[in-house]
Amino acid sequence: MRLDRYLANAGVGTRQEVKKLIRKGLVMVNDTLVTLADTAIDLDKDHVYVGDQEIIYEEYVYVLLHKPEGYLSATEDRHDKTVMELIEGYEHRELHIVGRLDKDTTGFLLLTDDGQFTHHLTSPKHHIGKRYRVTLNSTFALNDLEKLMKPISMDGELTLPSEASMLEEKVVLLTIYEGKHHQVKRMFERIGYEVTQLHREAIGEIELGSLMKGEYRPLTKEEVKKLKNVS
């Protein structure tokens, strides 16, 4: 990879800005001062410094956000607030959303620039569980759990079997293995309930944890590996 592209992709500046830094003699590769923007960088071996700071390049980034209500799961919108307004420090990356949440739905939302990762997580054939805490308008009957867990006709086909448990009289924990449009709300509508609050707690083995609404963090390498290995 070219040195100027390495620095630009790492968020140091635009291609023109980093070229100026290189020409000014402010960039070192390993122990050598480099002044040519097209210097080749070996991602596995070379260390790049601007001044005294080592610049770490990441091929892809993976960000976990605790989505608040009132934000669209979109990269931009002319009328409403989007989740991108909550994320700082990734302006140089072309992030997209992995499995959208409705405007009024809260919880676990992933953003990345890794298209293959997104396809893996959103493809039903990989059976990656998405766990939701579902609050209802009326008391849930225990004998309706079985109805939730069986395939339900939706969009002309059957949903995959789900997992469900009752937490409180109006609160159900539901894990689904696909992501049809408004699937959770429609599943409950089919059996006579209205969803008043919907919160996604986890995808696969990765939990939202202690993140507060509007907070975000990068996934660890171990978390990314776990999600990529689910099949």
C-alpha atoms as a PDB file:
ATOM      1  CA  MET A   1       0.000   0.000   0.000  1.00  0.00           C
ATOM      2  CA  ARG A   2       1.219   3.526  -0.772  1.00  0.00           C
ATOM      3  CA  LEU A   3       2.321   5.567   2.227  1.00  0.00           C
ATOM      4  CA  ASP A   4      -0.091   8.440   1.528  1.00  0.00           C
ATOM      5  CA  ARG A   5      -3.025   6.047   1.263  1.00  0.00           C
ATOM      6  CA  TYR A   6      -1.950   4.303   4.480  1.00  0.00           C
ATOM      7  CA  LEU A   7      -1.950   7.594   6.392  1.00  0.00           C
ATOM      8  CA  ALA A   8      -5.192   8.860   4.856  1.00  0.00           C
ATOM      9  CA  ASN A   9      -7.015   5.595   5.591  1.00  0.00           C
ATOM     10  CA  ALA A  10      -5.720   5.713   9.162  1.00  0.00           C
ATOM     11  CA  GLY A  11      -7.399   9.098   9.624  1.00  0.00           C
ATOM     12  CA  VAL A  12      -4.287  11.293   9.711  1.00  0.00           C
ATOM     13  CA  GLY A  13      -5.716  13.592   7.031  1.00  0.00           C
ATOM     14  CA  THR A  14      -6.805  13.801   3.428  1.00  0.00           C
ATOM     15  CA  ARG A  15      -4.487  12.477   0.711  1.00  0.00           C
ATOM     16  CA  GLN A  16      -3.307  16.036  -0.013  1.00  0.00           C
ATOM     17  CA  GLU A  17      -2.752  16.794   3.677  1.00  0.00           C
ATOM     18  CA  VAL A  18      -0.695  13.678   4.313  1.00  0.00           C
ATOM     19  CA  LYS A  19       1.388  14.302   1.179  1.00  0.00           C
ATOM     20  CA  LYS A  20       2.363  17.662   2.669  1.00  0.00           C
ATOM     21  CA  LEU A  21       3.374  15.960   5.937  1.00  0.00           C
ATOM     22  CA  ILE A  22       5.510  13.491   4.001  1.00  0.00           C
ATOM     23  CA  ARG A  23       7.207  16.212   1.926  1.00  0.00           C
ATOM     24  CA  LYS A  24       7.983  18.188   5.102  1.00  0.00           C
ATOM     25  CA  GLY A  25       9.926  15.221   6.474  1.00  0.00           C
ATOM     26  CA  LEU A  26       7.513  14.496   9.330  1.00  0.00           C
ATOM     27  CA  VAL A  27       6.936  10.818   8.503  1.00  0.00           C
ATOM     28  CA  MET A  28       9.147   7.850   9.281  1.00  0.00           C
ATOM     29  CA  VAL A  29       8.817   4.241   8.177  1.00  0.00           C
ATOM     30  CA  ASN A  30      10.545   2.033  10.714  1.00  0.00           C
ATOM     31  CA  ASP A  31      13.796   3.968  11.393  1.00  0.00           C
ATOM     32  CA  THR A  32      13.929   5.789   8.054  1.00  0.00           C
ATOM     33  CA  LEU A  33      12.720   9.290   7.244  1.00  0.00           C
ATOM     34  CA  VAL A  34      10.566   9.101   4.109  1.00  0.00           C
ATOM     35  CA  THR A  35       9.692  11.988   1.788  1.00  0.00           C
ATOM     36  CA  LEU A  36       8.027  10.154  -1.107  1.00  0.00           C
ATOM     37  CA  ALA A  37       4.252   9.703  -0.951  1.00  0.00           C
ATOM     38  CA  ASP A  38       4.282   6.594  -3.128  1.00  0.00           C
ATOM     39  CA  THR A  39       6.631   4.666  -0.814  1.00  0.00           C
ATOM     40  CA  ALA A  40       5.314   1.097  -0.527  1.00  0.00           C
ATOM     41  CA  ILE A  41       4.209  -0.034   2.946  1.00  0.00           C
ATOM     42  CA  ASP A  42       4.133  -3.679   4.006  1.00  0.00           C
ATOM     43  CA  LEU A  43       1.126  -3.904   6.330  1.00  0.00           C
ATOM     44  CA  ASP A  44       2.552  -6.967   8.095  1.00  0.00           C
ATOM     45  CA  LYS A  45       6.064  -5.674   8.726  1.00  0.00           C
ATOM     46  CA  ASP A  46       6.398  -1.888   8.571  1.00  0.00           C
ATOM     47  CA  HIS A  47       5.813   0.629  11.365  1.00  0.00           C
ATOM     48  CA  VAL A  48       4.796   4.157  10.356  1.00  0.00           C
ATOM     49  CA  TYR A  49       5.272   7.246  12.524  1.00  0.00           C
ATOM     50  CA  VAL A  50       4.157  10.863  12.243  1.00  0.00           C
ATOM     51  CA  GLY A  51       6.421  12.710  14.634  1.00  0.00           C
ATOM     52  CA  ASP A  52       6.682  10.495  17.710  1.00  0.00           C
ATOM     53  CA  GLN A  53       3.267   8.862  17.237  1.00  0.00           C
ATOM     54  CA  GLU A  54       2.953   5.465  15.606  1.00  0.00           C
ATOM     55  CA  ILE A  55       0.045   5.351  13.154  1.00  0.00           C
ATOM     56  CA  ILE A  56      -1.851   2.078  13.297  1.00  0.00           C
ATOM     57  CA  TYR A  57      -3.695   1.100  10.139  1.00  0.00           C
ATOM     58  CA  GLU A  58      -6.860  -0.979  10.375  1.00  0.00           C
ATOM     59  CA  GLU A  59      -8.142  -2.613   7.214  1.00  0.00           C
ATOM     60  CA  TYR A  60     -11.686  -2.572   8.595  1.00  0.00           C
ATOM     61  CA  VAL A  61     -13.362  -1.091  11.648  1.00  0.00           C
ATOM     62  CA  TYR A  62     -16.239  -2.552  13.673  1.00  0.00           C
ATOM     63  CA  VAL A  63     -18.202  -0.253  15.976  1.00  0.00           C
ATOM     64  CA  LEU A  64     -20.848  -1.261  18.525  1.00  0.00           C
ATOM     65  CA  LEU A  65     -23.371   1.491  19.305  1.00  0.00           C
ATOM     66  CA  HIS A  66     -26.134   1.568  21.911  1.00  0.00           C
ATOM     67  CA  LYS A  67     -28.767   3.132  19.667  1.00  0.00           C
ATOM     68  CA  PRO A  68     -31.207   5.501  21.405  1.00  0.00           C
ATOM     69  CA  GLU A  69     -34.787   5.947  20.277  1.00  0.00           C
ATOM     70  CA  GLY A  70     -35.456   8.749  17.786  1.00  0.00           C
ATOM     71  CA  TYR A  71     -32.509   8.031  15.472  1.00  0.00           C
ATOM     72  CA  LEU A  72     -32.717   6.460  12.030  1.00  0.00           C
ATOM     73  CA  SER A  73     -30.476   3.516  11.181  1.00  0.00           C
ATOM     74  CA  ALA A  74     -29.144   5.321   8.131  1.00  0.00           C
ATOM     75  CA  THR A  75     -25.952   7.033   7.062  1.00  0.00           C
ATOM     76  CA  GLU A  76     -27.808  10.216   6.118  1.00  0.00           C
ATOM     77  CA  ASP A  77     -31.320  11.647   6.016  1.00  0.00           C
ATOM     78  CA  ARG A  78     -32.662  15.055   5.030  1.00  0.00           C
ATOM     79  CA  HIS A  79     -35.305  15.216   7.759  1.00  0.00           C
ATOM     80  CA  ASP A  80     -34.421  13.012  10.744  1.00  0.00           C
ATOM     81  CA  LYS A  81     -31.420  12.431  12.979  1.00  0.00           C
ATOM     82  CA  THR A  82     -29.305   9.418  12.053  1.00  0.00           C
ATOM     83  CA  VAL A  83     -27.063   7.177  14.139  1.00  0.00           C
ATOM     84  CA  MET A  84     -24.045   8.581  12.265  1.00  0.00           C
ATOM     85  CA  GLU A  85     -24.500  11.809  14.228  1.00  0.00           C
ATOM     86  CA  LEU A  86     -23.616   9.863  17.380  1.00  0.00           C
ATOM     87  CA  ILE A  87     -20.309   8.505  16.052  1.00  0.00           C
ATOM     88  CA  GLU A  88     -17.099  10.557  16.044  1.00  0.00           C
ATOM     89  CA  GLY A  89     -13.607   9.711  14.857  1.00  0.00           C
ATOM     90  CA  TYR A  90     -14.651   7.577  11.887  1.00  0.00           C
ATOM     91  CA  GLU A  91     -15.332  10.307   9.342  1.00  0.00           C
ATOM     92  CA  HIS A  92     -12.555   8.984   7.102  1.00  0.00           C
ATOM     93  CA  ARG A  93     -14.189   5.545   6.922  1.00  0.00           C
ATOM     94  CA  GLU A  94     -17.244   4.694   4.802  1.00  0.00           C
ATOM     95  CA  LEU A  95     -19.253   3.049   7.557  1.00  0.00           C
ATOM     96  CA  HIS A  96     -22.550   1.323   6.904  1.00  0.00           C
ATOM     97  CA  ILE A  97     -25.090  -0.276   9.226  1.00  0.00           C
ATOM     98  CA  VAL A  98     -25.275  -4.002   9.915  1.00  0.00           C
ATOM     99  CA  GLY A  99     -28.941  -4.953  10.363  1.00  0.00           C
ATOM    100  CA  ARG A 100     -31.050  -1.861  10.873  1.00  0.00           C
ATOM    101  CA  LEU A 101     -33.160  -1.034  13.913  1.00  0.00           C
ATOM    102  CA  ASP A 102     -36.416   0.927  13.643  1.00  0.00           C
ATOM    103  CA  LYS A 103     -36.412   4.585  14.679  1.00  0.00           C
ATOM    104  CA  ASP A 104     -38.107   3.797  17.992  1.00  0.00           C
ATOM    105  CA  THR A 105     -36.073   0.631  18.688  1.00  0.00           C
ATOM    106  CA  THR A 106     -33.062   0.830  21.000  1.00  0.00           C
ATOM    107  CA  GLY A 107     -29.988  -1.252  21.669  1.00  0.00           C
ATOM    108  CA  PHE A 108     -27.268  -3.210  19.902  1.00  0.00           C
ATOM    109  CA  LEU A 109     -26.311  -1.741  16.522  1.00  0.00           C
ATOM    110  CA  LEU A 110     -23.154  -2.502  14.554  1.00  0.00           C
ATOM    111  CA  LEU A 111     -21.452  -0.227  12.029  1.00  0.00           C
ATOM    112  CA  THR A 112     -18.562  -1.295   9.815  1.00  0.00           C
ATOM    113  CA  ASP A 113     -16.870  -0.822   6.453  1.00  0.00           C
ATOM    114  CA  ASP A 114     -16.432  -4.574   5.959  1.00  0.00           C
ATOM    115  CA  GLY A 115     -19.052  -5.652   3.420  1.00  0.00           C
ATOM    116  CA  GLN A 116     -18.277  -9.353   3.699  1.00  0.00           C
ATOM    117  CA  PHE A 117     -18.744  -9.196   7.485  1.00  0.00           C
ATOM    118  CA  THR A 118     -22.132  -7.511   7.006  1.00  0.00           C
ATOM    119  CA  HIS A 119     -23.282 -10.157   4.534  1.00  0.00           C
ATOM    120  CA  HIS A 120     -22.228 -12.908   6.931  1.00  0.00           C
ATOM    121  CA  LEU A 121     -24.161 -11.427   9.872  1.00  0.00           C
ATOM    122  CA  THR A 122     -27.326 -10.641   7.943  1.00  0.00           C
ATOM    123  CA  SER A 123     -27.613 -13.846   5.896  1.00  0.00           C
ATOM    124  CA  PRO A 124     -30.247 -16.201   7.401  1.00  0.00           C
ATOM    125  CA  LYS A 125     -28.235 -19.245   6.300  1.00  0.00           C
ATOM    126  CA  HIS A 126     -25.649 -18.541   9.009  1.00  0.00           C
ATOM    127  CA  HIS A 127     -28.249 -18.729  11.817  1.00  0.00           C
ATOM    128  CA  ILE A 128     -26.807 -15.894  13.892  1.00  0.00           C
ATOM    129  CA  GLY A 129     -29.119 -15.099  16.782  1.00  0.00           C
ATOM    130  CA  LYS A 130     -30.370 -11.581  17.478  1.00  0.00           C
ATOM    131  CA  ARG A 131     -31.774 -11.297  20.998  1.00  0.00           C
ATOM    132  CA  TYR A 132     -34.477  -8.760  21.821  1.00  0.00           C
ATOM    133  CA  ARG A 133     -36.148  -7.640  25.036  1.00  0.00           C
ATOM    134  CA  VAL A 134     -39.774  -7.090  24.028  1.00  0.00           C
ATOM    135  CA  THR A 135     -42.244  -5.069  26.120  1.00  0.00           C
ATOM    136  CA  LEU A 136     -45.927  -5.621  25.355  1.00  0.00           C
ATOM    137  CA  ASN A 137     -49.183  -3.725  25.824  1.00  0.00           C
ATOM    138  CA  SER A 138     -50.774  -6.541  27.823  1.00  0.00           C
ATOM    139  CA  THR A 139     -49.853  -9.498  30.013  1.00  0.00           C
ATOM    140  CA  PHE A 140     -48.238 -12.298  28.053  1.00  0.00           C
ATOM    141  CA  ALA A 141     -49.728 -15.768  28.367  1.00  0.00           C
ATOM    142  CA  LEU A 142     -47.173 -18.511  28.983  1.00  0.00           C
ATOM    143  CA  ASN A 143     -48.885 -20.878  26.578  1.00  0.00           C
ATOM    144  CA  ASP A 144     -48.160 -18.380  23.770  1.00  0.00           C
ATOM    145  CA  LEU A 145     -44.409 -19.024  24.057  1.00  0.00           C
ATOM    146  CA  GLU A 146     -44.750 -22.114  21.910  1.00  0.00           C
ATOM    147  CA  LYS A 147     -46.506 -20.095  19.189  1.00  0.00           C
ATOM    148  CA  LEU A 148     -43.574 -17.652  19.115  1.00  0.00           C
ATOM    149  CA  MET A 149     -40.966 -20.361  18.819  1.00  0.00           C
ATOM    150  CA  LYS A 150     -42.628 -22.155  15.914  1.00  0.00           C
ATOM    151  CA  PRO A 151     -42.237 -20.901  12.313  1.00  0.00           C
ATOM    152  CA  ILE A 152     -44.713 -18.125  11.499  1.00  0.00           C
ATOM    153  CA  SER A 153     -45.965 -17.286   8.017  1.00  0.00           C
ATOM    154  CA  MET A 154     -44.574 -13.929   6.911  1.00  0.00           C
ATOM    155  CA  ASP A 155     -44.017 -12.430   3.453  1.00  0.00           C
ATOM    156  CA  GLY A 156     -45.230 -15.622   1.821  1.00  0.00           C
ATOM    157  CA  GLU A 157     -42.786 -17.896   3.648  1.00  0.00           C
ATOM    158  CA  LEU A 158     -42.175 -19.318   7.105  1.00  0.00           C
ATOM    159  CA  THR A 159     -39.804 -17.693   9.576  1.00  0.00           C
ATOM    160  CA  LEU A 160     -37.032 -19.752  11.115  1.00  0.00           C
ATOM    161  CA  PRO A 161     -37.802 -21.217  14.563  1.00  0.00           C
ATOM    162  CA  SER A 162     -37.101 -18.780  17.393  1.00  0.00           C
ATOM    163  CA  GLU A 163     -36.258 -18.967  21.084  1.00  0.00           C
ATOM    164  CA  ALA A 164     -38.404 -17.233  23.682  1.00  0.00           C
ATOM    165  CA  SER A 165     -38.747 -16.898  27.442  1.00  0.00           C
ATOM    166  CA  MET A 166     -40.929 -14.788  29.699  1.00  0.00           C
ATOM    167  CA  LEU A 167     -39.102 -12.284  31.946  1.00  0.00           C
ATOM    168  CA  GLU A 168     -42.022 -10.344  33.424  1.00  0.00           C
ATOM    169  CA  GLU A 169     -45.755 -10.396  32.859  1.00  0.00           C
ATOM    170  CA  LYS A 170     -45.430  -7.965  29.935  1.00  0.00           C
ATOM    171  CA  VAL A 171     -41.798  -8.623  28.959  1.00  0.00           C
ATOM    172  CA  VAL A 172     -40.528 -11.417  26.708  1.00  0.00           C
ATOM    173  CA  LEU A 173     -36.976 -12.278  25.655  1.00  0.00           C
ATOM    174  CA  LEU A 174     -36.952 -13.334  21.990  1.00  0.00           C
ATOM    175  CA  THR A 175     -34.071 -14.564  19.822  1.00  0.00           C
ATOM    176  CA  ILE A 176     -34.578 -14.678  16.070  1.00  0.00           C
ATOM    177  CA  TYR A 177     -32.207 -16.017  13.408  1.00  0.00           C
ATOM    178  CA  GLU A 178     -33.075 -13.794  10.471  1.00  0.00           C
ATOM    179  CA  GLY A 179     -34.130 -10.185   9.986  1.00  0.00           C
ATOM    180  CA  LYS A 180     -37.323  -9.714   8.035  1.00  0.00           C
ATOM    181  CA  HIS A 181     -38.877  -6.242   7.912  1.00  0.00           C
ATOM    182  CA  HIS A 182     -40.394  -5.419  11.340  1.00  0.00           C
ATOM    183  CA  GLN A 183     -40.141  -9.135  12.099  1.00  0.00           C
ATOM    184  CA  VAL A 184     -40.345  -9.042  15.902  1.00  0.00           C
ATOM    185  CA  LYS A 185     -43.315  -6.663  15.986  1.00  0.00           C
ATOM    186  CA  ARG A 186     -45.134  -8.662  13.314  1.00  0.00           C
ATOM    187  CA  MET A 187     -44.520 -11.973  15.106  1.00  0.00           C
ATOM    188  CA  PHE A 188     -46.230 -10.637  18.219  1.00  0.00           C
ATOM    189  CA  GLU A 189     -49.050  -9.106  16.179  1.00  0.00           C
ATOM    190  CA  ARG A 190     -49.729 -12.565  14.702  1.00  0.00           C
ATOM    191  CA  ILE A 191     -50.468 -13.931  18.168  1.00  0.00           C
ATOM    192  CA  GLY A 192     -52.455 -10.938  19.429  1.00  0.00           C
ATOM    193  CA  TYR A 193     -49.977  -8.567  21.108  1.00  0.00           C
ATOM    194  CA  GLU A 194     -48.726  -5.047  20.440  1.00  0.00           C
ATOM    195  CA  VAL A 195     -45.065  -4.263  21.040  1.00  0.00           C
ATOM    196  CA  THR A 196     -44.669  -1.020  22.992  1.00  0.00           C
ATOM    197  CA  GLN A 197     -40.885  -1.157  23.439  1.00  0.00           C
ATOM    198  CA  LEU A 198     -38.217  -3.087  21.552  1.00  0.00           C
ATOM    199  CA  HIS A 199     -34.594  -3.360  22.623  1.00  0.00           C
ATOM    200  CA  ARG A 200     -31.879  -5.491  21.008  1.00  0.00           C
ATOM    201  CA  GLU A 201     -29.510  -6.869  23.630  1.00  0.00           C
ATOM    202  CA  ALA A 202     -27.103  -9.056  21.675  1.00  0.00           C
ATOM    203  CA  ILE A 203     -25.997 -10.525  18.378  1.00  0.00           C
ATOM    204  CA  GLY A 204     -24.496 -13.983  18.597  1.00  0.00           C
ATOM    205  CA  GLU A 205     -22.398 -14.201  21.753  1.00  0.00           C
ATOM    206  CA  ILE A 206     -21.684 -10.460  21.840  1.00  0.00           C
ATOM    207  CA  GLU A 207     -23.657  -8.509  24.444  1.00  0.00           C
ATOM    208  CA  LEU A 208     -24.462  -4.806  24.534  1.00  0.00           C
ATOM    209  CA  GLY A 209     -23.250  -4.856  28.131  1.00  0.00           C
ATOM    210  CA  SER A 210     -22.898  -1.646  30.109  1.00  0.00           C
ATOM    211  CA  LEU A 211     -22.907   0.792  27.178  1.00  0.00           C
ATOM    212  CA  MET A 212     -25.319   3.641  27.867  1.00  0.00           C
ATOM    213  CA  LYS A 213     -27.656   5.008  25.193  1.00  0.00           C
ATOM    214  CA  GLY A 214     -25.654   6.920  22.612  1.00  0.00           C
ATOM    215  CA  GLU A 215     -22.334   5.403  23.688  1.00  0.00           C
ATOM    216  CA  TYR A 216     -20.199   3.292  21.358  1.00  0.00           C
ATOM    217  CA  ARG A 217     -16.961   1.342  21.284  1.00  0.00           C
ATOM    218  CA  PRO A 218     -14.917  -0.670  18.788  1.00  0.00           C
ATOM    219  CA  LEU A 219     -15.396  -4.420  18.879  1.00  0.00           C
ATOM    220  CA  THR A 220     -12.363  -6.312  20.128  1.00  0.00           C
ATOM    221  CA  LYS A 221     -10.510  -8.625  17.764  1.00  0.00           C
ATOM    222  CA  GLU A 222     -11.870 -11.562  19.754  1.00  0.00           C
ATOM    223  CA  GLU A 223     -15.465 -10.332  19.345  1.00  0.00           C
ATOM    224  CA  VAL A 224     -15.033  -9.860  15.592  1.00  0.00           C
ATOM    225  CA  LYS A 225     -13.579 -13.361  15.330  1.00  0.00           C
ATOM    226  CA  LYS A 226     -16.504 -14.848  17.263  1.00  0.00           C
ATOM    227  CA  LEU A 227     -19.039 -13.191  14.963  1.00  0.00           C
ATOM    228  CA  LYS A 228     -17.168 -14.203  11.822  1.00  0.00           C
ATOM    229  CA  ASN A 229     -16.946 -17.821  12.976  1.00  0.00           C
ATOM    230  CA  VAL A 230     -20.682 -18.251  13.593  1.00  0.00           C
ATOM    231  CA  SER A 231     -22.199 -20.428  10.890  1.00  0.00           C
END
